[in-house]
């Protein structure tokens, strides 16, 4: 199922499906589920199922999110990382090697396959944990945002922020 701003699902997200999907990014999914059941963040591996683009500055990240919605493109799960004052988009893994956008950092496949890169994430539906909360929940059906769509949205957001028209 594709999700856009204009065609959001009417039902509430299914915690188990969203948590199962997100945990499946890990080599040992059960460890993420256990941490979430204990009310903690779980380190989710990047590089296989998803990558993460960390956008410096909440204003920039929210402006990009608004641009994605206004463009009516599918938007995947999004985290607000209050502790680091950034927005984190779960994105597709393809074409991540050439990512070069200002004020962002792509967290993807590790060059050392034995040690994957991870991003701490709360369980889908969990209230704020260590300054992190989902703006758009992983629900088991929502797929990561396409990197190309996010790049366009970030360019638009930067232009609006430079001109003071966020």
N, C-alpha and C. Protein backbone atom coordinates (compact mmCIF):
# COMPACT_ATOMS: atom_id res chain seq x y z
N UNK A 1 0.85 -1.17 0.00
CA UNK A 1 0.00 0.00 0.00
C UNK A 1 0.90 1.23 0.00
N UNK A 2 0.59 2.22 -0.81
CA UNK A 2 1.34 3.45 -0.88
C UNK A 2 0.66 4.51 -0.04
N UNK A 3 1.48 5.24 0.70
CA UNK A 3 0.95 6.28 1.56
C UNK A 3 1.42 7.63 1.07
N UNK A 4 0.51 8.55 0.97
CA UNK A 4 0.84 9.93 0.66
C UNK A 4 0.02 10.80 1.59
N UNK A 5 0.27 12.08 1.53
CA UNK A 5 -0.48 13.00 2.39
C UNK A 5 -1.96 12.94 2.09
N UNK A 6 -2.30 12.76 0.82
CA UNK A 6 -3.71 12.78 0.43
C UNK A 6 -4.40 11.44 0.59
N UNK A 7 -3.64 10.38 0.76
CA UNK A 7 -4.27 9.06 0.87
C UNK A 7 -3.71 8.28 2.05
N UNK A 8 -3.93 8.79 3.24
CA UNK A 8 -3.46 8.13 4.44
C UNK A 8 -4.45 7.05 4.85
N UNK A 9 -3.95 6.02 5.50
CA UNK A 9 -4.85 4.96 5.94
C UNK A 9 -5.78 5.45 7.05
N UNK A 10 -6.92 4.87 7.11
CA UNK A 10 -7.90 5.26 8.13
C UNK A 10 -7.73 4.45 9.41
N UNK A 11 -7.10 3.29 9.33
CA UNK A 11 -6.96 2.46 10.52
C UNK A 11 -5.72 2.86 11.32
N UNK A 12 -5.67 2.47 12.58
CA UNK A 12 -4.51 2.79 13.39
C UNK A 12 -3.37 1.85 13.04
N UNK A 13 -2.13 2.30 13.17
CA UNK A 13 -0.99 1.45 12.85
C UNK A 13 -0.95 0.21 13.73
N UNK A 14 -0.51 -0.89 13.19
CA UNK A 14 -0.40 -2.15 13.89
C UNK A 14 1.00 -2.24 14.48
N UNK A 15 1.11 -2.08 15.79
CA UNK A 15 2.41 -2.07 16.45
C UNK A 15 3.21 -3.31 16.10
N UNK A 16 2.61 -4.48 16.14
CA UNK A 16 3.36 -5.71 15.90
C UNK A 16 3.92 -5.78 14.49
N UNK A 17 3.14 -5.41 13.50
CA UNK A 17 3.63 -5.44 12.12
C UNK A 17 4.72 -4.40 11.90
N UNK A 18 4.53 -3.21 12.42
CA UNK A 18 5.55 -2.16 12.28
C UNK A 18 6.83 -2.53 12.99
N UNK A 19 6.71 -3.04 14.20
CA UNK A 19 7.89 -3.44 14.96
C UNK A 19 8.59 -4.62 14.29
N UNK A 20 7.82 -5.57 13.79
CA UNK A 20 8.40 -6.73 13.12
C UNK A 20 9.15 -6.30 11.87
N UNK A 21 8.54 -5.41 11.07
CA UNK A 21 9.19 -4.94 9.85
C UNK A 21 10.49 -4.21 10.20
N UNK A 22 10.44 -3.29 11.15
CA UNK A 22 11.62 -2.50 11.50
C UNK A 22 12.72 -3.40 12.09
N UNK A 23 12.33 -4.31 12.97
CA UNK A 23 13.31 -5.22 13.58
C UNK A 23 13.94 -6.15 12.54
N UNK A 24 13.22 -6.42 11.46
CA UNK A 24 13.75 -7.32 10.43
C UNK A 24 14.97 -6.74 9.72
N UNK A 25 15.27 -5.47 9.94
CA UNK A 25 16.48 -4.87 9.39
C UNK A 25 17.72 -5.44 10.07
N UNK A 26 17.55 -5.97 11.27
CA UNK A 26 18.67 -6.48 12.05
C UNK A 26 18.95 -7.94 11.75
N UNK A 27 20.21 -8.32 11.92
CA UNK A 27 20.60 -9.73 11.76
C UNK A 27 19.93 -10.59 12.82
N UNK A 28 19.70 -10.01 13.99
CA UNK A 28 19.00 -10.70 15.07
C UNK A 28 17.80 -9.84 15.49
N UNK A 29 16.66 -9.97 14.76
CA UNK A 29 15.50 -9.11 15.03
C UNK A 29 14.98 -9.21 16.47
N UNK A 30 15.12 -10.36 17.09
CA UNK A 30 14.60 -10.54 18.44
C UNK A 30 15.22 -9.60 19.46
N UNK A 31 16.46 -9.20 19.25
CA UNK A 31 17.11 -8.30 20.21
C UNK A 31 16.44 -6.92 20.21
N UNK A 32 16.01 -6.45 19.03
CA UNK A 32 15.31 -5.16 18.97
C UNK A 32 13.96 -5.26 19.68
N UNK A 33 13.24 -6.33 19.42
CA UNK A 33 11.93 -6.53 20.06
C UNK A 33 12.08 -6.56 21.58
N UNK A 34 13.09 -7.26 22.07
CA UNK A 34 13.32 -7.34 23.52
C UNK A 34 13.58 -5.95 24.12
N UNK A 35 14.41 -5.17 23.46
CA UNK A 35 14.71 -3.81 23.96
C UNK A 35 13.45 -2.96 24.00
N UNK A 36 12.65 -3.04 22.93
CA UNK A 36 11.41 -2.26 22.89
C UNK A 36 10.45 -2.70 23.99
N UNK A 37 10.35 -3.99 24.22
CA UNK A 37 9.47 -4.47 25.29
C UNK A 37 9.92 -3.96 26.66
N UNK A 38 11.22 -3.70 26.78
CA UNK A 38 11.76 -3.15 28.03
C UNK A 38 11.65 -1.63 28.08
N UNK A 39 11.03 -1.03 27.03
CA UNK A 39 10.83 0.42 27.01
C UNK A 39 12.08 1.19 26.60
N UNK A 40 12.99 0.53 25.90
CA UNK A 40 14.25 1.15 25.51
C UNK A 40 14.34 1.34 24.00
N UNK A 41 15.32 2.13 23.58
CA UNK A 41 15.63 2.24 22.16
C UNK A 41 16.32 0.96 21.70
N UNK A 42 16.13 0.62 20.45
CA UNK A 42 16.84 -0.51 19.85
C UNK A 42 17.71 0.03 18.72
N UNK A 43 18.92 -0.49 18.62
CA UNK A 43 19.81 -0.11 17.52
C UNK A 43 19.39 -0.88 16.28
N UNK A 44 18.91 -0.14 15.26
CA UNK A 44 18.44 -0.75 14.02
C UNK A 44 19.54 -0.62 12.96
N UNK A 45 19.85 -1.74 12.33
CA UNK A 45 20.92 -1.79 11.34
C UNK A 45 20.48 -1.14 10.02
N UNK A 46 21.43 -0.45 9.42
CA UNK A 46 21.19 0.16 8.11
C UNK A 46 21.96 -0.62 7.04
N UNK A 47 21.58 -0.39 5.79
CA UNK A 47 22.33 -0.97 4.68
C UNK A 47 21.64 -2.07 3.92
N UNK A 48 20.72 -2.80 4.53
CA UNK A 48 20.03 -3.89 3.84
C UNK A 48 18.57 -3.52 3.53
N UNK A 49 17.78 -3.32 4.56
CA UNK A 49 16.37 -3.01 4.42
C UNK A 49 16.14 -1.51 4.23
N UNK A 50 16.97 -0.72 4.90
CA UNK A 50 16.78 0.73 4.88
C UNK A 50 18.09 1.43 5.19
N UNK A 51 18.14 2.68 4.84
CA UNK A 51 19.20 3.59 5.27
C UNK A 51 18.50 4.72 6.00
N UNK A 52 19.27 5.59 6.62
CA UNK A 52 18.71 6.73 7.33
C UNK A 52 19.43 7.99 6.86
N UNK A 53 18.65 9.02 6.54
CA UNK A 53 19.23 10.32 6.25
C UNK A 53 18.90 11.22 7.43
N UNK A 54 19.95 11.67 8.11
CA UNK A 54 19.81 12.58 9.24
C UNK A 54 19.93 14.00 8.70
N UNK A 55 18.88 14.79 8.91
CA UNK A 55 18.82 16.17 8.43
C UNK A 55 19.07 17.09 9.62
N UNK A 56 20.18 17.83 9.55
CA UNK A 56 20.52 18.76 10.63
C UNK A 56 19.50 19.89 10.68
N UNK A 57 18.99 20.14 11.87
CA UNK A 57 18.02 21.22 12.06
C UNK A 57 16.60 20.75 11.85
N UNK A 58 15.81 20.86 12.89
CA UNK A 58 14.41 20.42 12.81
C UNK A 58 13.65 21.21 11.76
N UNK A 59 13.89 22.53 11.66
CA UNK A 59 13.18 23.34 10.67
C UNK A 59 13.41 22.83 9.26
N UNK A 60 14.66 22.51 8.93
CA UNK A 60 14.99 22.01 7.60
C UNK A 60 14.30 20.66 7.35
N UNK A 61 14.37 19.77 8.33
CA UNK A 61 13.75 18.45 8.18
C UNK A 61 12.24 18.51 8.03
N UNK A 62 11.60 19.36 8.84
CA UNK A 62 10.14 19.50 8.76
C UNK A 62 9.74 20.16 7.44
N UNK A 63 10.53 21.13 6.98
CA UNK A 63 10.25 21.76 5.68
C UNK A 63 10.35 20.74 4.55
N UNK A 64 11.34 19.85 4.62
CA UNK A 64 11.46 18.80 3.60
C UNK A 64 10.28 17.83 3.68
N UNK A 65 9.86 17.49 4.89
CA UNK A 65 8.70 16.61 5.06
C UNK A 65 7.45 17.25 4.47
N UNK A 66 7.23 18.53 4.73
CA UNK A 66 6.08 19.24 4.15
C UNK A 66 6.15 19.23 2.63
N UNK A 67 7.34 19.42 2.08
CA UNK A 67 7.51 19.41 0.63
C UNK A 67 7.16 18.04 0.05
N UNK A 68 7.59 16.99 0.72
CA UNK A 68 7.25 15.63 0.26
C UNK A 68 5.73 15.44 0.24
N UNK A 69 5.07 15.87 1.31
CA UNK A 69 3.61 15.74 1.37
C UNK A 69 2.94 16.55 0.26
N UNK A 70 3.41 17.77 0.06
CA UNK A 70 2.81 18.62 -0.97
C UNK A 70 3.06 18.08 -2.37
N UNK A 71 4.16 17.35 -2.54
CA UNK A 71 4.47 16.75 -3.84
C UNK A 71 3.67 15.47 -4.07
N UNK A 72 2.98 15.02 -3.03
CA UNK A 72 2.14 13.83 -3.10
C UNK A 72 2.94 12.59 -3.51
N UNK A 73 4.13 12.46 -2.94
CA UNK A 73 4.95 11.26 -3.17
C UNK A 73 4.90 10.40 -1.91
N UNK A 74 5.14 9.10 -2.04
CA UNK A 74 5.14 8.24 -0.85
C UNK A 74 6.22 8.66 0.14
N UNK A 75 5.82 8.74 1.39
CA UNK A 75 6.74 9.13 2.46
C UNK A 75 6.82 7.99 3.46
N UNK A 76 8.05 7.56 3.72
CA UNK A 76 8.25 6.47 4.68
C UNK A 76 8.32 6.98 6.10
N UNK A 77 8.70 6.11 7.02
CA UNK A 77 8.81 6.49 8.43
C UNK A 77 9.81 7.62 8.65
N UNK A 78 9.49 8.48 9.63
CA UNK A 78 10.32 9.65 9.94
C UNK A 78 10.40 9.80 11.46
N UNK A 79 11.61 10.02 11.95
CA UNK A 79 11.87 10.22 13.37
C UNK A 79 12.25 11.66 13.67
N UNK A 80 11.77 12.17 14.80
CA UNK A 80 12.27 13.45 15.32
C UNK A 80 13.25 13.08 16.43
N UNK A 81 14.49 13.49 16.24
CA UNK A 81 15.55 13.25 17.21
C UNK A 81 15.79 14.57 17.94
N UNK A 82 15.07 14.75 19.02
CA UNK A 82 15.12 16.01 19.75
C UNK A 82 16.49 16.25 20.39
N UNK A 83 17.12 15.19 20.86
CA UNK A 83 18.41 15.31 21.54
C UNK A 83 19.48 15.89 20.61
N UNK A 84 19.45 15.50 19.34
CA UNK A 84 20.44 15.98 18.37
C UNK A 84 19.88 17.07 17.47
N UNK A 85 18.66 17.52 17.73
CA UNK A 85 18.00 18.58 16.96
C UNK A 85 18.03 18.28 15.46
N UNK A 86 17.49 17.12 15.11
CA UNK A 86 17.46 16.74 13.70
C UNK A 86 16.22 15.89 13.41
N UNK A 87 15.99 15.70 12.13
CA UNK A 87 14.93 14.82 11.65
C UNK A 87 15.61 13.68 10.90
N UNK A 88 15.14 12.46 11.12
CA UNK A 88 15.74 11.29 10.48
C UNK A 88 14.71 10.59 9.61
N UNK A 89 15.01 10.52 8.32
CA UNK A 89 14.14 9.87 7.34
C UNK A 89 14.66 8.46 7.09
N UNK A 90 13.77 7.46 7.19
CA UNK A 90 14.13 6.13 6.74
C UNK A 90 13.98 6.13 5.24
N UNK A 91 15.06 5.79 4.54
CA UNK A 91 15.10 5.90 3.08
C UNK A 91 15.49 4.57 2.45
N UNK A 92 15.24 4.49 1.14
CA UNK A 92 15.61 3.31 0.38
C UNK A 92 17.13 3.15 0.38
N UNK A 93 17.59 1.95 0.15
CA UNK A 93 19.03 1.67 0.18
C UNK A 93 19.69 1.90 -1.17
N UNK A 94 18.94 1.99 -2.23
CA UNK A 94 19.57 2.13 -3.55
C UNK A 94 20.17 3.52 -3.74
N UNK A 95 21.23 3.56 -4.47
CA UNK A 95 21.90 4.81 -4.88
C UNK A 95 22.38 5.65 -3.70
N UNK A 96 22.58 5.04 -2.56
CA UNK A 96 23.02 5.80 -1.40
C UNK A 96 24.48 6.22 -1.45
N UNK A 97 25.29 5.53 -2.24
CA UNK A 97 26.73 5.82 -2.27
C UNK A 97 27.03 7.23 -2.79
N UNK A 98 26.19 7.76 -3.66
CA UNK A 98 26.45 9.08 -4.23
C UNK A 98 25.77 10.22 -3.49
N UNK A 99 25.30 9.98 -2.30
CA UNK A 99 24.56 11.01 -1.55
C UNK A 99 25.49 12.13 -1.14
N UNK A 100 25.12 13.35 -1.53
CA UNK A 100 25.94 14.51 -1.18
C UNK A 100 25.03 15.73 -1.08
N UNK A 101 24.33 15.83 0.02
CA UNK A 101 23.42 16.95 0.25
C UNK A 101 23.90 17.72 1.48
N UNK A 102 23.92 19.05 1.39
CA UNK A 102 24.36 19.83 2.55
C UNK A 102 23.41 19.64 3.74
N UNK A 103 23.97 19.74 4.92
CA UNK A 103 23.22 19.65 6.18
C UNK A 103 22.58 18.29 6.41
N UNK A 104 23.11 17.26 5.75
CA UNK A 104 22.58 15.92 5.94
C UNK A 104 23.71 14.92 6.09
N UNK A 105 23.36 13.77 6.61
CA UNK A 105 24.32 12.67 6.73
C UNK A 105 23.58 11.38 6.42
N UNK A 106 24.09 10.63 5.46
CA UNK A 106 23.51 9.33 5.11
C UNK A 106 24.15 8.26 5.98
N UNK A 107 23.32 7.51 6.67
CA UNK A 107 23.80 6.39 7.48
C UNK A 107 23.34 5.14 6.75
N UNK A 108 24.30 4.48 6.13
CA UNK A 108 23.98 3.31 5.30
C UNK A 108 24.92 2.17 5.55
N UNK A 109 25.13 1.40 4.51
CA UNK A 109 25.94 0.19 4.60
C UNK A 109 27.34 0.51 5.11
N UNK A 110 27.79 -0.29 6.05
CA UNK A 110 29.12 -0.15 6.59
C UNK A 110 30.14 -0.75 5.63
N UNK A 111 31.32 -0.16 5.58
CA UNK A 111 32.37 -0.74 4.76
C UNK A 111 32.90 -2.02 5.38
N UNK A 112 32.69 -2.18 6.68
CA UNK A 112 33.08 -3.38 7.40
C UNK A 112 31.83 -4.22 7.64
N UNK A 113 31.60 -5.22 6.81
CA UNK A 113 30.37 -6.02 6.89
C UNK A 113 30.16 -6.67 8.25
N UNK A 114 31.24 -6.89 9.00
CA UNK A 114 31.09 -7.53 10.31
C UNK A 114 30.45 -6.60 11.33
N UNK A 115 30.54 -5.31 11.11
CA UNK A 115 30.03 -4.33 12.07
C UNK A 115 29.09 -3.36 11.36
N UNK A 116 27.78 -3.67 11.32
CA UNK A 116 26.85 -2.77 10.62
C UNK A 116 26.68 -1.45 11.36
N UNK A 117 26.35 -0.41 10.61
CA UNK A 117 25.99 0.88 11.21
C UNK A 117 24.57 0.77 11.73
N UNK A 118 24.32 1.43 12.83
CA UNK A 118 22.99 1.36 13.44
C UNK A 118 22.51 2.75 13.82
N UNK A 119 21.19 2.85 13.98
CA UNK A 119 20.55 4.08 14.45
C UNK A 119 19.59 3.67 15.57
N UNK A 120 19.68 4.31 16.75
CA UNK A 120 18.76 3.97 17.82
C UNK A 120 17.35 4.46 17.50
N UNK A 121 16.38 3.56 17.66
CA UNK A 121 14.98 3.90 17.34
C UNK A 121 14.05 3.36 18.41
N UNK A 122 13.00 4.14 18.72
CA UNK A 122 11.98 3.62 19.63
C UNK A 122 11.07 2.65 18.87
N UNK A 123 10.33 1.88 19.61
CA UNK A 123 9.35 1.00 18.98
C UNK A 123 8.27 1.84 18.31
N UNK A 124 7.73 1.37 17.21
CA UNK A 124 6.61 2.09 16.59
C UNK A 124 5.47 2.22 17.59
N UNK A 125 4.99 3.44 17.75
CA UNK A 125 3.88 3.70 18.67
C UNK A 125 4.31 4.03 20.09
N UNK A 126 5.59 3.85 20.40
CA UNK A 126 6.09 4.14 21.73
C UNK A 126 6.20 5.66 21.91
N UNK A 127 5.90 6.13 23.09
CA UNK A 127 6.07 7.56 23.38
C UNK A 127 7.55 7.91 23.33
N UNK A 128 7.84 9.18 23.39
CA UNK A 128 9.22 9.66 23.29
C UNK A 128 10.14 8.88 24.23
N UNK A 129 11.24 8.40 23.64
CA UNK A 129 12.26 7.68 24.40
C UNK A 129 13.60 8.33 24.10
N UNK A 130 14.29 8.78 25.12
CA UNK A 130 15.62 9.42 24.97
C UNK A 130 15.61 10.50 23.90
N UNK A 131 14.53 11.27 23.86
CA UNK A 131 14.45 12.39 22.93
C UNK A 131 14.06 12.01 21.51
N UNK A 132 13.65 10.77 21.28
CA UNK A 132 13.27 10.33 19.94
C UNK A 132 11.80 9.94 19.91
N UNK A 133 11.12 10.41 18.85
CA UNK A 133 9.70 10.07 18.68
C UNK A 133 9.40 9.99 17.19
N UNK A 134 8.51 9.09 16.83
CA UNK A 134 8.12 8.93 15.43
C UNK A 134 7.18 10.04 15.01
N UNK A 135 7.50 10.71 13.90
CA UNK A 135 6.56 11.64 13.27
C UNK A 135 5.66 10.88 12.31
N UNK A 136 6.24 9.90 11.62
CA UNK A 136 5.49 8.98 10.77
C UNK A 136 5.93 7.58 11.16
N UNK A 137 4.99 6.80 11.64
CA UNK A 137 5.28 5.47 12.18
C UNK A 137 5.61 4.44 11.11
N UNK A 138 6.54 3.53 11.42
CA UNK A 138 6.64 2.31 10.62
C UNK A 138 5.43 1.45 11.00
N UNK A 139 4.68 1.00 10.02
CA UNK A 139 3.48 0.23 10.33
C UNK A 139 3.47 -1.14 9.64
N UNK A 140 4.56 -1.49 9.00
CA UNK A 140 4.64 -2.77 8.32
C UNK A 140 4.28 -2.70 6.85
N UNK A 141 3.64 -1.62 6.43
CA UNK A 141 3.26 -1.45 5.02
C UNK A 141 3.98 -0.26 4.39
N UNK A 142 4.26 0.72 5.18
CA UNK A 142 4.92 1.93 4.69
C UNK A 142 6.37 1.59 4.36
N UNK A 143 6.81 1.95 3.17
CA UNK A 143 8.18 1.69 2.73
C UNK A 143 9.04 2.93 2.92
N UNK A 144 10.37 2.75 2.97
CA UNK A 144 11.24 3.92 3.12
C UNK A 144 11.05 4.93 1.99
N UNK A 145 11.30 6.18 2.29
CA UNK A 145 11.21 7.26 1.31
C UNK A 145 12.28 7.07 0.25
N UNK A 146 11.94 7.36 -0.99
CA UNK A 146 12.90 7.27 -2.07
C UNK A 146 13.93 8.39 -1.91
N UNK A 147 15.20 8.05 -2.06
CA UNK A 147 16.28 9.05 -1.88
C UNK A 147 16.15 10.21 -2.85
N UNK A 148 15.76 9.93 -4.08
CA UNK A 148 15.62 11.01 -5.07
C UNK A 148 14.54 11.99 -4.66
N UNK A 149 13.41 11.47 -4.18
CA UNK A 149 12.32 12.35 -3.72
C UNK A 149 12.78 13.21 -2.54
N UNK A 150 13.53 12.59 -1.62
CA UNK A 150 14.01 13.35 -0.46
C UNK A 150 15.01 14.42 -0.90
N UNK A 151 15.88 14.11 -1.85
CA UNK A 151 16.85 15.10 -2.33
C UNK A 151 16.15 16.32 -2.91
N UNK A 152 15.11 16.11 -3.70
CA UNK A 152 14.35 17.23 -4.28
C UNK A 152 13.70 18.04 -3.17
N UNK A 153 13.10 17.35 -2.20
CA UNK A 153 12.43 18.05 -1.10
C UNK A 153 13.43 18.86 -0.27
N UNK A 154 14.61 18.31 -0.06
CA UNK A 154 15.63 19.05 0.70
C UNK A 154 16.10 20.28 -0.04
N UNK A 155 16.26 20.19 -1.36
CA UNK A 155 16.65 21.37 -2.14
C UNK A 155 15.58 22.46 -2.03
N UNK A 156 14.31 22.07 -2.14
CA UNK A 156 13.22 23.04 -2.01
C UNK A 156 13.19 23.63 -0.61
N UNK A 157 13.38 22.80 0.40
CA UNK A 157 13.36 23.27 1.78
C UNK A 157 14.50 24.27 2.02
N UNK A 158 15.69 23.95 1.53
CA UNK A 158 16.82 24.86 1.70
C UNK A 158 16.56 26.20 1.02
N UNK A 159 15.99 26.16 -0.18
CA UNK A 159 15.70 27.41 -0.91
C UNK A 159 14.68 28.25 -0.13
N UNK A 160 13.65 27.61 0.40
CA UNK A 160 12.64 28.34 1.17
C UNK A 160 13.23 28.92 2.45
N UNK A 161 14.08 28.14 3.12
CA UNK A 161 14.68 28.62 4.37
C UNK A 161 15.63 29.79 4.11
N UNK A 162 16.36 29.75 2.99
CA UNK A 162 17.26 30.86 2.66
C UNK A 162 16.48 32.14 2.38
N UNK A 163 15.28 31.98 1.81
CA UNK A 163 14.46 33.15 1.47
C UNK A 163 13.44 33.48 2.56
N UNK A 164 13.48 32.73 3.65
CA UNK A 164 12.58 33.01 4.78
C UNK A 164 11.13 32.71 4.49
N UNK A 165 10.85 31.73 3.63
CA UNK A 165 9.47 31.39 3.30
C UNK A 165 9.18 29.93 3.60
N UNK A 166 9.56 29.47 4.77
CA UNK A 166 9.32 28.07 5.12
C UNK A 166 7.86 27.85 5.29
